[in-house]
Amino acid sequence: MYNKYVAADYIHTNPAGEVTDREKEFADMTSGVQTFSAIEPIELPYDRIRLFNGNAAIVTTHYKVSGNDHGKIFSMQVLTLATWIKRRGNWQIVAFQVTSVAKPFEK
């Protein structure tokens, strides 16, 4: 299922500015080195889906997340930007960027 929705050429940029690919992200998620204890959506004007010609979409969201990443506990608000492309009739994510919110705000 993961490979159906995550493109082979997928790239992920995390809040630290590190860029990874589909295989590295999948390995981190399935090995347990990266876990999430909470993912809470925060609805603000940043949450939207912009569709382009029916074959591409940009999705922006705002979350409060917490968990453990390679032994480091984290809790932060993040803004995300996901780029989706429709390929051979299926939607796939090709890029995902997570930016830490410097000055967190509430709902």
PDB file of N, CA and C in Angstrom:
ATOM      1  N   MET A   1       0.833  -1.189   0.000  1.00  0.00           N
ATOM      2  CA  MET A   1       0.000   0.000   0.000  1.00  0.00           C
ATOM      3  C   MET A   1       0.882   1.260   0.000  1.00  0.00           C
ATOM      4  N   TYR A   2       1.972   1.238   0.774  1.00  0.00           N
ATOM      5  CA  TYR A   2       2.870   2.395   0.873  1.00  0.00           C
ATOM      6  C   TYR A   2       3.368   2.807  -0.512  1.00  0.00           C
ATOM      7  N   ASN A   3       3.835   1.824  -1.294  1.00  0.00           N
ATOM      8  CA  ASN A   3       4.390   2.126  -2.616  1.00  0.00           C
ATOM      9  C   ASN A   3       3.336   2.608  -3.603  1.00  0.00           C
ATOM     10  N   LYS A   4       2.074   2.271  -3.364  1.00  0.00           N
ATOM     11  CA  LYS A   4       1.011   2.731  -4.256  1.00  0.00           C
ATOM     12  C   LYS A   4       0.838   4.242  -4.156  1.00  0.00           C
ATOM     13  N   TYR A   5       0.965   4.780  -2.945  1.00  0.00           N
ATOM     14  CA  TYR A   5       0.701   6.203  -2.724  1.00  0.00           C
ATOM     15  C   TYR A   5       1.953   7.063  -2.577  1.00  0.00           C
ATOM     16  N   VAL A   6       3.108   6.452  -2.365  1.00  0.00           N
ATOM     17  CA  VAL A   6       4.362   7.202  -2.236  1.00  0.00           C
ATOM     18  C   VAL A   6       5.213   6.893  -3.466  1.00  0.00           C
ATOM     19  N   ALA A   7       5.481   7.912  -4.263  1.00  0.00           N
ATOM     20  CA  ALA A   7       6.191   7.738  -5.533  1.00  0.00           C
ATOM     21  C   ALA A   7       7.616   7.244  -5.330  1.00  0.00           C
ATOM     22  N   ALA A   8       8.115   6.510  -6.316  1.00  0.00           N
ATOM     23  CA  ALA A   8       9.488   6.006  -6.263  1.00  0.00           C
ATOM     24  C   ALA A   8      10.491   7.150  -6.179  1.00  0.00           C
ATOM     25  N   ASP A   9      10.167   8.300  -6.777  1.00  0.00           N
ATOM     26  CA  ASP A   9      11.070   9.454  -6.765  1.00  0.00           C
ATOM     27  C   ASP A   9      10.721  10.464  -5.664  1.00  0.00           C
ATOM     28  N   TYR A  10       9.983  10.024  -4.659  1.00  0.00           N
ATOM     29  CA  TYR A  10       9.559  10.853  -3.525  1.00  0.00           C
ATOM     30  C   TYR A  10      10.755  11.420  -2.758  1.00  0.00           C
ATOM     31  N   ILE A  11      10.627  12.687  -2.326  1.00  0.00           N
ATOM     32  CA  ILE A  11      11.627  13.282  -1.437  1.00  0.00           C
ATOM     33  C   ILE A  11      10.910  13.904  -0.238  1.00  0.00           C
ATOM     34  N   HIS A  12      11.562  13.837   0.898  1.00  0.00           N
ATOM     35  CA  HIS A  12      11.015  14.377   2.147  1.00  0.00           C
ATOM     36  C   HIS A  12      12.064  15.286   2.770  1.00  0.00           C
ATOM     37  N   THR A  13      11.661  16.496   3.107  1.00  0.00           N
ATOM     38  CA  THR A  13      12.535  17.425   3.821  1.00  0.00           C
ATOM     39  C   THR A  13      11.958  17.601   5.215  1.00  0.00           C
ATOM     40  N   ASN A  14      12.753  17.228   6.234  1.00  0.00           N
ATOM     41  CA  ASN A  14      12.257  17.289   7.612  1.00  0.00           C
ATOM     42  C   ASN A  14      12.535  18.659   8.234  1.00  0.00           C
ATOM     43  N   PRO A  15      12.044  18.903   9.467  1.00  0.00           N
ATOM     44  CA  PRO A  15      12.229  20.219  10.091  1.00  0.00           C
ATOM     45  C   PRO A  15      13.691  20.634  10.272  1.00  0.00           C
ATOM     46  N   ALA A  16      14.609  19.659  10.304  1.00  0.00           N
ATOM     47  CA  ALA A  16      16.032  19.980  10.443  1.00  0.00           C
ATOM     48  C   ALA A  16      16.679  20.311   9.099  1.00  0.00           C
ATOM     49  N   GLY A  17      15.902  20.211   8.011  1.00  0.00           N
ATOM     50  CA  GLY A  17      16.436  20.500   6.689  1.00  0.00           C
ATOM     51  C   GLY A  17      17.097  19.312   6.024  1.00  0.00           C
ATOM     52  N   GLU A  18      16.986  18.133   6.621  1.00  0.00           N
ATOM     53  CA  GLU A  18      17.564  16.926   6.036  1.00  0.00           C
ATOM     54  C   GLU A  18      16.611  16.381   4.978  1.00  0.00           C
ATOM     55  N   VAL A  19      17.180  15.943   3.868  1.00  0.00           N
ATOM     56  CA  VAL A  19      16.383  15.413   2.765  1.00  0.00           C
ATOM     57  C   VAL A  19      16.569  13.903   2.701  1.00  0.00           C
ATOM     58  N   THR A  20      15.442  13.177   2.653  1.00  0.00           N
ATOM     59  CA  THR A  20      15.491  11.721   2.556  1.00  0.00           C
ATOM     60  C   THR A  20      14.608  11.270   1.399  1.00  0.00           C
ATOM     61  N   ASP A  21      14.737   9.997   1.059  1.00  0.00           N
ATOM     62  CA  ASP A  21      13.927   9.438  -0.017  1.00  0.00           C
ATOM     63  C   ASP A  21      12.904   8.447   0.547  1.00  0.00           C
ATOM     64  N   ARG A  22      12.161   7.823  -0.346  1.00  0.00           N
ATOM     65  CA  ARG A  22      11.092   6.909   0.062  1.00  0.00           C
ATOM     66  C   ARG A  22      11.623   5.741   0.890  1.00  0.00           C
ATOM     67  N   GLU A  23      12.720   5.149   0.472  1.00  0.00           N
ATOM     68  CA  GLU A  23      13.250   3.985   1.169  1.00  0.00           C
ATOM     69  C   GLU A  23      13.705   4.326   2.586  1.00  0.00           C
ATOM     70  N   LYS A  24      14.389   5.453   2.749  1.00  0.00           N
ATOM     71  CA  LYS A  24      14.878   5.859   4.076  1.00  0.00           C
ATOM     72  C   LYS A  24      13.707   6.175   5.002  1.00  0.00           C
ATOM     73  N   GLU A  25      12.718   6.884   4.506  1.00  0.00           N
ATOM     74  CA  GLU A  25      11.575   7.226   5.352  1.00  0.00           C
ATOM     75  C   GLU A  25      10.810   5.973   5.762  1.00  0.00           C
ATOM     76  N   PHE A  26      10.601   5.051   4.825  1.00  0.00           N
ATOM     77  CA  PHE A  26       9.899   3.808   5.136  1.00  0.00           C
ATOM     78  C   PHE A  26      10.682   2.989   6.159  1.00  0.00           C
ATOM     79  N   ALA A  27      12.004   2.921   5.997  1.00  0.00           N
ATOM     80  CA  ALA A  27      12.844   2.179   6.941  1.00  0.00           C
ATOM     81  C   ALA A  27      12.754   2.779   8.341  1.00  0.00           C
ATOM     82  N   ASP A  28      12.788   4.098   8.447  1.00  0.00           N
ATOM     83  CA  ASP A  28      12.679   4.754   9.759  1.00  0.00           C
ATOM     84  C   ASP A  28      11.331   4.470  10.415  1.00  0.00           C
ATOM     85  N   MET A  29      10.267   4.497   9.628  1.00  0.00           N
ATOM     86  CA  MET A  29       8.930   4.269  10.189  1.00  0.00           C
ATOM     87  C   MET A  29       8.740   2.822  10.630  1.00  0.00           C
ATOM     88  N   THR A  30       9.206   1.876   9.834  1.00  0.00           N
ATOM     89  CA  THR A  30       8.964   0.467  10.147  1.00  0.00           C
ATOM     90  C   THR A  30       9.940  -0.100  11.167  1.00  0.00           C
ATOM     91  N   SER A  31      11.114   0.509  11.328  1.00  0.00           N
ATOM     92  CA  SER A  31      12.096   0.001  12.291  1.00  0.00           C
ATOM     93  C   SER A  31      11.822   0.480  13.709  1.00  0.00           C
ATOM     94  N   GLY A  32      11.003   1.514  13.855  1.00  0.00           N
ATOM     95  CA  GLY A  32      10.698   2.042  15.181  1.00  0.00           C
ATOM     96  C   GLY A  32      11.641   3.138  15.637  1.00  0.00           C
ATOM     97  N   VAL A  33      12.623   3.539  14.816  1.00  0.00           N
ATOM     98  CA  VAL A  33      13.518   4.623  15.227  1.00  0.00           C
ATOM     99  C   VAL A  33      12.804   5.967  15.192  1.00  0.00           C
ATOM    100  N   GLN A  34      11.679   6.001  14.487  1.00  0.00           N
ATOM    101  CA  GLN A  34      10.865   7.218  14.446  1.00  0.00           C
ATOM    102  C   GLN A  34       9.422   6.818  14.758  1.00  0.00           C
ATOM    103  N   THR A  35       8.908   7.338  15.880  1.00  0.00           N
ATOM    104  CA  THR A  35       7.532   7.033  16.270  1.00  0.00           C
ATOM    105  C   THR A  35       6.811   8.319  16.644  1.00  0.00           C
ATOM    106  N   PHE A  36       5.518   8.320  16.453  1.00  0.00           N
ATOM    107  CA  PHE A  36       4.687   9.461  16.829  1.00  0.00           C
ATOM    108  C   PHE A  36       3.733   9.028  17.928  1.00  0.00           C
ATOM    109  N   SER A  37       3.712   9.782  19.028  1.00  0.00           N
ATOM    110  CA  SER A  37       2.771   9.494  20.109  1.00  0.00           C
ATOM    111  C   SER A  37       1.495  10.299  19.943  1.00  0.00           C
ATOM    112  N   ALA A  38       1.559  11.410  19.214  1.00  0.00           N
ATOM    113  CA  ALA A  38       0.373  12.229  18.957  1.00  0.00           C
ATOM    114  C   ALA A  38       0.564  13.056  17.694  1.00  0.00           C
ATOM    115  N   ILE A  39      -0.492  13.136  16.905  1.00  0.00           N
ATOM    116  CA  ILE A  39      -0.550  14.021  15.742  1.00  0.00           C
ATOM    117  C   ILE A  39      -1.914  14.691  15.808  1.00  0.00           C
ATOM    118  N   GLU A  40      -1.904  15.981  16.136  1.00  0.00           N
ATOM    119  CA  GLU A  40      -3.152  16.719  16.334  1.00  0.00           C
ATOM    120  C   GLU A  40      -3.275  17.818  15.288  1.00  0.00           C
ATOM    121  N   PRO A  41      -4.268  17.718  14.404  1.00  0.00           N
ATOM    122  CA  PRO A  41      -4.444  18.777  13.412  1.00  0.00           C
ATOM    123  C   PRO A  41      -4.888  20.083  14.058  1.00  0.00           C
ATOM    124  N   ILE A  42      -4.353  21.173  13.563  1.00  0.00           N
ATOM    125  CA  ILE A  42      -4.746  22.510  14.008  1.00  0.00           C
ATOM    126  C   ILE A  42      -5.301  23.212  12.777  1.00  0.00           C
ATOM    127  N   GLU A  43      -6.581  23.518  12.805  1.00  0.00           N
ATOM    128  CA  GLU A  43      -7.221  24.122  11.636  1.00  0.00           C
ATOM    129  C   GLU A  43      -7.017  25.630  11.630  1.00  0.00           C
ATOM    130  N   LEU A  44      -6.284  26.067  10.662  1.00  0.00           N
ATOM    131  CA  LEU A  44      -6.023  27.487  10.460  1.00  0.00           C
ATOM    132  C   LEU A  44      -6.104  27.778   8.971  1.00  0.00           C
ATOM    133  N   PRO A  45      -5.977  29.005   8.581  1.00  0.00           N
ATOM    134  CA  PRO A  45      -6.056  29.326   7.151  1.00  0.00           C
ATOM    135  C   PRO A  45      -5.014  28.601   6.292  1.00  0.00           C
ATOM    136  N   TYR A  46      -3.999  27.991   6.912  1.00  0.00           N
ATOM    137  CA  TYR A  46      -2.949  27.319   6.146  1.00  0.00           C
ATOM    138  C   TYR A  46      -3.416  25.989   5.575  1.00  0.00           C
ATOM    139  N   ASP A  47      -4.498  25.423   6.134  1.00  0.00           N
ATOM    140  CA  ASP A  47      -4.970  24.123   5.682  1.00  0.00           C
ATOM    141  C   ASP A  47      -5.785  24.278   4.401  1.00  0.00           C
ATOM    142  N   ARG A  48      -5.238  23.758   3.325  1.00  0.00           N
ATOM    143  CA  ARG A  48      -5.980  23.829   2.068  1.00  0.00           C
ATOM    144  C   ARG A  48      -5.411  22.846   1.056  1.00  0.00           C
ATOM    145  N   ILE A  49      -6.228  22.558   0.071  1.00  0.00           N
ATOM    146  CA  ILE A  49      -5.823  21.729  -1.063  1.00  0.00           C
ATOM    147  C   ILE A  49      -6.000  22.578  -2.313  1.00  0.00           C
ATOM    148  N   ARG A  50      -4.926  22.696  -3.080  1.00  0.00           N
ATOM    149  CA  ARG A  50      -4.988  23.440  -4.343  1.00  0.00           C
ATOM    150  C   ARG A  50      -4.771  22.436  -5.472  1.00  0.00           C
ATOM    151  N   LEU A  51      -5.761  22.312  -6.342  1.00  0.00           N
ATOM    152  CA  LEU A  51      -5.721  21.360  -7.442  1.00  0.00           C
ATOM    153  C   LEU A  51      -5.348  22.084  -8.734  1.00  0.00           C
ATOM    154  N   PHE A  52      -4.448  21.471  -9.502  1.00  0.00           N
ATOM    155  CA  PHE A  52      -3.978  22.060 -10.755  1.00  0.00           C
ATOM    156  C   PHE A  52      -4.266  21.112 -11.919  1.00  0.00           C
ATOM    157  N   ASN A  53      -5.164  21.512 -12.808  1.00  0.00           N
ATOM    158  CA  ASN A  53      -5.505  20.755 -14.017  1.00  0.00           C
ATOM    159  C   ASN A  53      -5.922  19.312 -13.744  1.00  0.00           C
ATOM    160  N   GLY A  54      -6.335  19.000 -12.534  1.00  0.00           N
ATOM    161  CA  GLY A  54      -6.800  17.660 -12.206  1.00  0.00           C
ATOM    162  C   GLY A  54      -5.720  16.612 -12.100  1.00  0.00           C
ATOM    163  N   ASN A  55      -4.444  17.004 -12.287  1.00  0.00           N
ATOM    164  CA  ASN A  55      -3.345  16.035 -12.258  1.00  0.00           C
ATOM    165  C   ASN A  55      -2.272  16.340 -11.226  1.00  0.00           C
ATOM    166  N   ALA A  56      -2.386  17.463 -10.545  1.00  0.00           N
ATOM    167  CA  ALA A  56      -1.404  17.831  -9.522  1.00  0.00           C
ATOM    168  C   ALA A  56      -2.130  18.568  -8.404  1.00  0.00           C
ATOM    169  N   ALA A  57      -1.636  18.385  -7.196  1.00  0.00           N
ATOM    170  CA  ALA A  57      -2.244  19.060  -6.048  1.00  0.00           C
ATOM    171  C   ALA A  57      -1.168  19.412  -5.035  1.00  0.00           C
ATOM    172  N   ILE A  58      -1.364  20.548  -4.391  1.00  0.00           N
ATOM    173  CA  ILE A  58      -0.518  20.962  -3.274  1.00  0.00           C
ATOM    174  C   ILE A  58      -1.412  21.017  -2.045  1.00  0.00           C
ATOM    175  N   VAL A  59      -0.985  20.326  -0.994  1.00  0.00           N
ATOM    176  CA  VAL A  59      -1.763  20.253   0.242  1.00  0.00           C
ATOM    177  C   VAL A  59      -0.940  20.878   1.362  1.00  0.00           C
ATOM    178  N   THR A  60      -1.500  21.876   2.032  1.00  0.00           N
ATOM    179  CA  THR A  60      -0.823  22.496   3.170  1.00  0.00           C
ATOM    180  C   THR A  60      -1.635  22.225   4.428  1.00  0.00           C
ATOM    181  N   THR A  61      -0.925  21.909   5.518  1.00  0.00           N
ATOM    182  CA  THR A  61      -1.577  21.592   6.790  1.00  0.00           C
ATOM    183  C   THR A  61      -0.770  22.137   7.955  1.00  0.00           C
ATOM    184  N   HIS A  62      -1.384  22.143   9.117  1.00  0.00           N
ATOM    185  CA  HIS A  62      -0.760  22.611  10.356  1.00  0.00           C
ATOM    186  C   HIS A  62      -1.075  21.583  11.436  1.00  0.00           C
ATOM    187  N   TYR A  63      -0.045  21.060  12.101  1.00  0.00           N
ATOM    188  CA  TYR A  63      -0.210  20.022  13.114  1.00  0.00           C
ATOM    189  C   TYR A  63       0.597  20.324  14.366  1.00  0.00           C
ATOM    190  N   LYS A  64       0.153  19.751  15.477  1.00  0.00           N
ATOM    191  CA  LYS A  64       0.971  19.639  16.680  1.00  0.00           C
ATOM    192  C   LYS A  64       1.362  18.166  16.746  1.00  0.00           C
ATOM    193  N   VAL A  65       2.664  17.887  16.749  1.00  0.00           N
ATOM    194  CA  VAL A  65       3.147  16.506  16.744  1.00  0.00           C
ATOM    195  C   VAL A  65       4.087  16.269  17.914  1.00  0.00           C
ATOM    196  N   SER A  66       4.110  15.031  18.378  1.00  0.00           N
ATOM    197  CA  SER A  66       5.069  14.636  19.409  1.00  0.00           C
ATOM    198  C   SER A  66       5.435  13.179  19.181  1.00  0.00           C
ATOM    199  N   GLY A  67       6.627  12.827  19.657  1.00  0.00           N
ATOM    200  CA  GLY A  67       7.079  11.457  19.486  1.00  0.00           C
ATOM    201  C   GLY A  67       8.547  11.312  19.813  1.00  0.00           C
ATOM    202  N   ASN A  68       9.171  10.326  19.163  1.00  0.00           N
ATOM    203  CA  ASN A  68      10.563  10.000  19.396  1.00  0.00           C
ATOM    204  C   ASN A  68      11.233   9.802  18.037  1.00  0.00           C
ATOM    205  N   ASP A  69      12.333  10.488  17.826  1.00  0.00           N
ATOM    206  CA  ASP A  69      13.074  10.378  16.575  1.00  0.00           C
ATOM    207  C   ASP A  69      14.518  10.037  16.889  1.00  0.00           C
ATOM    208  N   HIS A  70      14.909   8.796  16.623  1.00  0.00           N
ATOM    209  CA  HIS A  70      16.264   8.321  16.888  1.00  0.00           C
ATOM    210  C   HIS A  70      16.678   8.576  18.342  1.00  0.00           C
ATOM    211  N   GLY A  71      15.765   8.313  19.283  1.00  0.00           N
ATOM    212  CA  GLY A  71      16.065   8.463  20.704  1.00  0.00           C
ATOM    213  C   GLY A  71      15.846   9.847  21.270  1.00  0.00           C
ATOM    214  N   LYS A  72      15.444  10.791  20.448  1.00  0.00           N
ATOM    215  CA  LYS A  72      15.197  12.157  20.917  1.00  0.00           C
ATOM    216  C   LYS A  72      13.692  12.414  20.968  1.00  0.00           C
ATOM    217  N   ILE A  73      13.205  12.799  22.157  1.00  0.00           N
ATOM    218  CA  ILE A  73      11.796  13.129  22.331  1.00  0.00           C
ATOM    219  C   ILE A  73      11.539  14.505  21.706  1.00  0.00           C
ATOM    220  N   PHE A  74      10.429  14.642  20.992  1.00  0.00           N
ATOM    221  CA  PHE A  74      10.094  15.939  20.407  1.00  0.00           C
ATOM    222  C   PHE A  74       8.610  16.241  20.591  1.00  0.00           C
ATOM    223  N   SER A  75       8.309  17.522  20.612  1.00  0.00           N
ATOM    224  CA  SER A  75       6.937  18.024  20.621  1.00  0.00           C
ATOM    225  C   SER A  75       6.993  19.402  19.983  1.00  0.00           C
ATOM    226  N   MET A  76       6.251  19.586  18.898  1.00  0.00           N
ATOM    227  CA  MET A  76       6.329  20.853  18.182  1.00  0.00           C
ATOM    228  C   MET A  76       5.103  21.047  17.308  1.00  0.00           C
ATOM    229  N   GLN A  77       4.917  22.277  16.879  1.00  0.00           N
ATOM    230  CA  GLN A  77       3.934  22.566  15.848  1.00  0.00           C
ATOM    231  C   GLN A  77       4.676  22.632  14.522  1.00  0.00           C
ATOM    232  N   VAL A  78       4.052  22.079  13.488  1.00  0.00           N
ATOM    233  CA  VAL A  78       4.675  22.067  12.172  1.00  0.00           C
ATOM    234  C   VAL A  78       3.676  22.490  11.099  1.00  0.00           C
ATOM    235  N   LEU A  79       4.201  23.101  10.070  1.00  0.00           N
ATOM    236  CA  LEU A  79       3.452  23.353   8.842  1.00  0.00           C
ATOM    237  C   LEU A  79       3.976  22.362   7.812  1.00  0.00           C
ATOM    238  N   THR A  80       3.081  21.757   7.042  1.00  0.00           N
ATOM    239  CA  THR A  80       3.514  20.792   6.037  1.00  0.00           C
ATOM    240  C   THR A  80       3.074  21.239   4.650  1.00  0.00           C
ATOM    241  N   LEU A  81       3.859  20.837   3.678  1.00  0.00           N
ATOM    242  CA  LEU A  81       3.560  21.107   2.275  1.00  0.00           C
ATOM    243  C   LEU A  81       3.775  19.801   1.517  1.00  0.00           C
ATOM    244  N   ALA A  82       2.710  19.262   0.954  1.00  0.00           N
ATOM    245  CA  ALA A  82       2.788  18.002   0.211  1.00  0.00           C
ATOM    246  C   ALA A  82       2.426  18.252  -1.246  1.00  0.00           C
ATOM    247  N   THR A  83       3.200  17.652  -2.139  1.00  0.00           N
ATOM    248  CA  THR A  83       2.924  17.737  -3.569  1.00  0.00           C
ATOM    249  C   THR A  83       2.501  16.357  -4.061  1.00  0.00           C
ATOM    250  N   TRP A  84       1.305  16.304  -4.626  1.00  0.00           N
ATOM    251  CA  TRP A  84       0.731  15.063  -5.149  1.00  0.00           C
ATOM    252  C   TRP A  84       0.591  15.170  -6.667  1.00  0.00           C
ATOM    253  N   ILE A  85       0.835  14.053  -7.366  1.00  0.00           N
ATOM    254  CA  ILE A  85       0.679  13.995  -8.816  1.00  0.00           C
ATOM    255  C   ILE A  85      -0.145  12.758  -9.163  1.00  0.00           C
ATOM    256  N   LYS A  86      -1.028  12.919 -10.121  1.00  0.00           N
ATOM    257  CA  LYS A  86      -1.825  11.790 -10.592  1.00  0.00           C
ATOM    258  C   LYS A  86      -1.061  11.113 -11.721  1.00  0.00           C
ATOM    259  N   ARG A  87      -0.654   9.854 -11.477  1.00  0.00           N
ATOM    260  CA  ARG A  87       0.105   9.075 -12.459  1.00  0.00           C
ATOM    261  C   ARG A  87      -0.659   7.795 -12.789  1.00  0.00           C
ATOM    262  N   ARG A  88      -0.895   7.568 -14.053  1.00  0.00           N
ATOM    263  CA  ARG A  88      -1.614   6.377 -14.508  1.00  0.00           C
ATOM    264  C   ARG A  88      -2.892   6.151 -13.704  1.00  0.00           C
ATOM    265  N   GLY A  89      -3.601   7.242 -13.419  1.00  0.00           N
ATOM    266  CA  GLY A  89      -4.879   7.165 -12.727  1.00  0.00           C
ATOM    267  C   GLY A  89      -4.809   7.102 -11.216  1.00  0.00           C
ATOM    268  N   ASN A  90      -3.604   7.057 -10.643  1.00  0.00           N
ATOM    269  CA  ASN A  90      -3.440   6.972  -9.187  1.00  0.00           C
ATOM    270  C   ASN A  90      -2.734   8.205  -8.640  1.00  0.00           C
ATOM    271  N   TRP A  91      -3.205   8.696  -7.501  1.00  0.00           N
ATOM    272  CA  TRP A  91      -2.553   9.822  -6.833  1.00  0.00           C
ATOM    273  C   TRP A  91      -1.358   9.318  -6.042  1.00  0.00           C
ATOM    274  N   GLN A  92      -0.201   9.985  -6.227  1.00  0.00           N
ATOM    275  CA  GLN A  92       1.015   9.669  -5.473  1.00  0.00           C
ATOM    276  C   GLN A  92       1.630  10.950  -4.931  1.00  0.00           C
ATOM    277  N   ILE A  93       2.135  10.853  -3.705  1.00  0.00           N
ATOM    278  CA  ILE A  93       2.872  11.978  -3.133  1.00  0.00           C
ATOM    279  C   ILE A  93       4.301  11.920  -3.671  1.00  0.00           C
ATOM    280  N   VAL A  94       4.799  13.053  -4.169  1.00  0.00           N
ATOM    281  CA  VAL A  94       6.150  13.097  -4.731  1.00  0.00           C
ATOM    282  C   VAL A  94       7.104  13.930  -3.883  1.00  0.00           C
ATOM    283  N   ALA A  95       6.551  14.825  -3.054  1.00  0.00           N
ATOM    284  CA  ALA A  95       7.404  15.649  -2.189  1.00  0.00           C
ATOM    285  C   ALA A  95       6.625  16.031  -0.939  1.00  0.00           C
ATOM    286  N   PHE A  96       7.346  16.064   0.181  1.00  0.00           N
ATOM    287  CA  PHE A  96       6.731  16.422   1.458  1.00  0.00           C
ATOM    288  C   PHE A  96       7.752  17.210   2.262  1.00  0.00           C
ATOM    289  N   GLN A  97       7.379  18.416   2.672  1.00  0.00           N
ATOM    290  CA  GLN A  97       8.265  19.255   3.477  1.00  0.00           C
ATOM    291  C   GLN A  97       7.577  19.591   4.788  1.00  0.00           C
ATOM    292  N   VAL A  98       8.320  19.446   5.879  1.00  0.00           N
ATOM    293  CA  VAL A  98       7.814  19.754   7.216  1.00  0.00           C
ATOM    294  C   VAL A  98       8.654  20.890   7.782  1.00  0.00           C
ATOM    295  N   THR A  99       7.995  21.965   8.191  1.00  0.00           N
ATOM    296  CA  THR A  99       8.679  23.122   8.756  1.00  0.00           C
ATOM    297  C   THR A  99       8.211  23.334  10.181  1.00  0.00           C
ATOM    298  N   SER A 100       9.154  23.420  11.104  1.00  0.00           N
ATOM    299  CA  SER A 100       8.823  23.683  12.502  1.00  0.00           C
ATOM    300  C   SER A 100       8.357  25.125  12.652  1.00  0.00           C
ATOM    301  N   VAL A 101       7.270  25.319  13.406  1.00  0.00           N
ATOM    302  CA  VAL A 101       6.740  26.659  13.644  1.00  0.00           C
ATOM    303  C   VAL A 101       7.561  27.297  14.758  1.00  0.00           C
ATOM    304  N   ALA A 102       8.228  28.398  14.458  1.00  0.00           N
ATOM    305  CA  ALA A 102       9.117  29.046  15.426  1.00  0.00           C
ATOM    306  C   ALA A 102       8.359  29.587  16.630  1.00  0.00           C
ATOM    307  N   LYS A 103       7.193  30.160  16.394  1.00  0.00           N
ATOM    308  CA  LYS A 103       6.397  30.734  17.475  1.00  0.00           C
ATOM    309  C   LYS A 103       5.025  30.050  17.459  1.00  0.00           C
ATOM    310  N   PRO A 104       4.871  28.940  18.218  1.00  0.00           N
ATOM    311  CA  PRO A 104       3.611  28.188  18.191  1.00  0.00           C
ATOM    312  C   PRO A 104       2.412  29.036  18.589  1.00  0.00           C
ATOM    313  N   PHE A 105       1.280  28.714  18.004  1.00  0.00           N
ATOM    314  CA  PHE A 105       0.038  29.389  18.343  1.00  0.00           C
ATOM    315  C   PHE A 105      -1.045  28.342  18.517  1.00  0.00           C
ATOM    316  N   GLU A 106      -2.118  28.713  19.194  1.00  0.00           N
ATOM    317  CA  GLU A 106      -3.198  27.787  19.523  1.00  0.00           C
ATOM    318  C   GLU A 106      -4.317  27.885  18.508  1.00  0.00           C
ATOM    319  N   LYS A 107      -5.240  26.923  18.610  1.00  0.00           N
ATOM    320  CA  LYS A 107      -6.416  26.896  17.730  1.00  0.00           C
ATOM    321  C   LYS A 107      -7.244  28.135  17.914  1.00  0.00           C
TER     322      LYS A 107
END
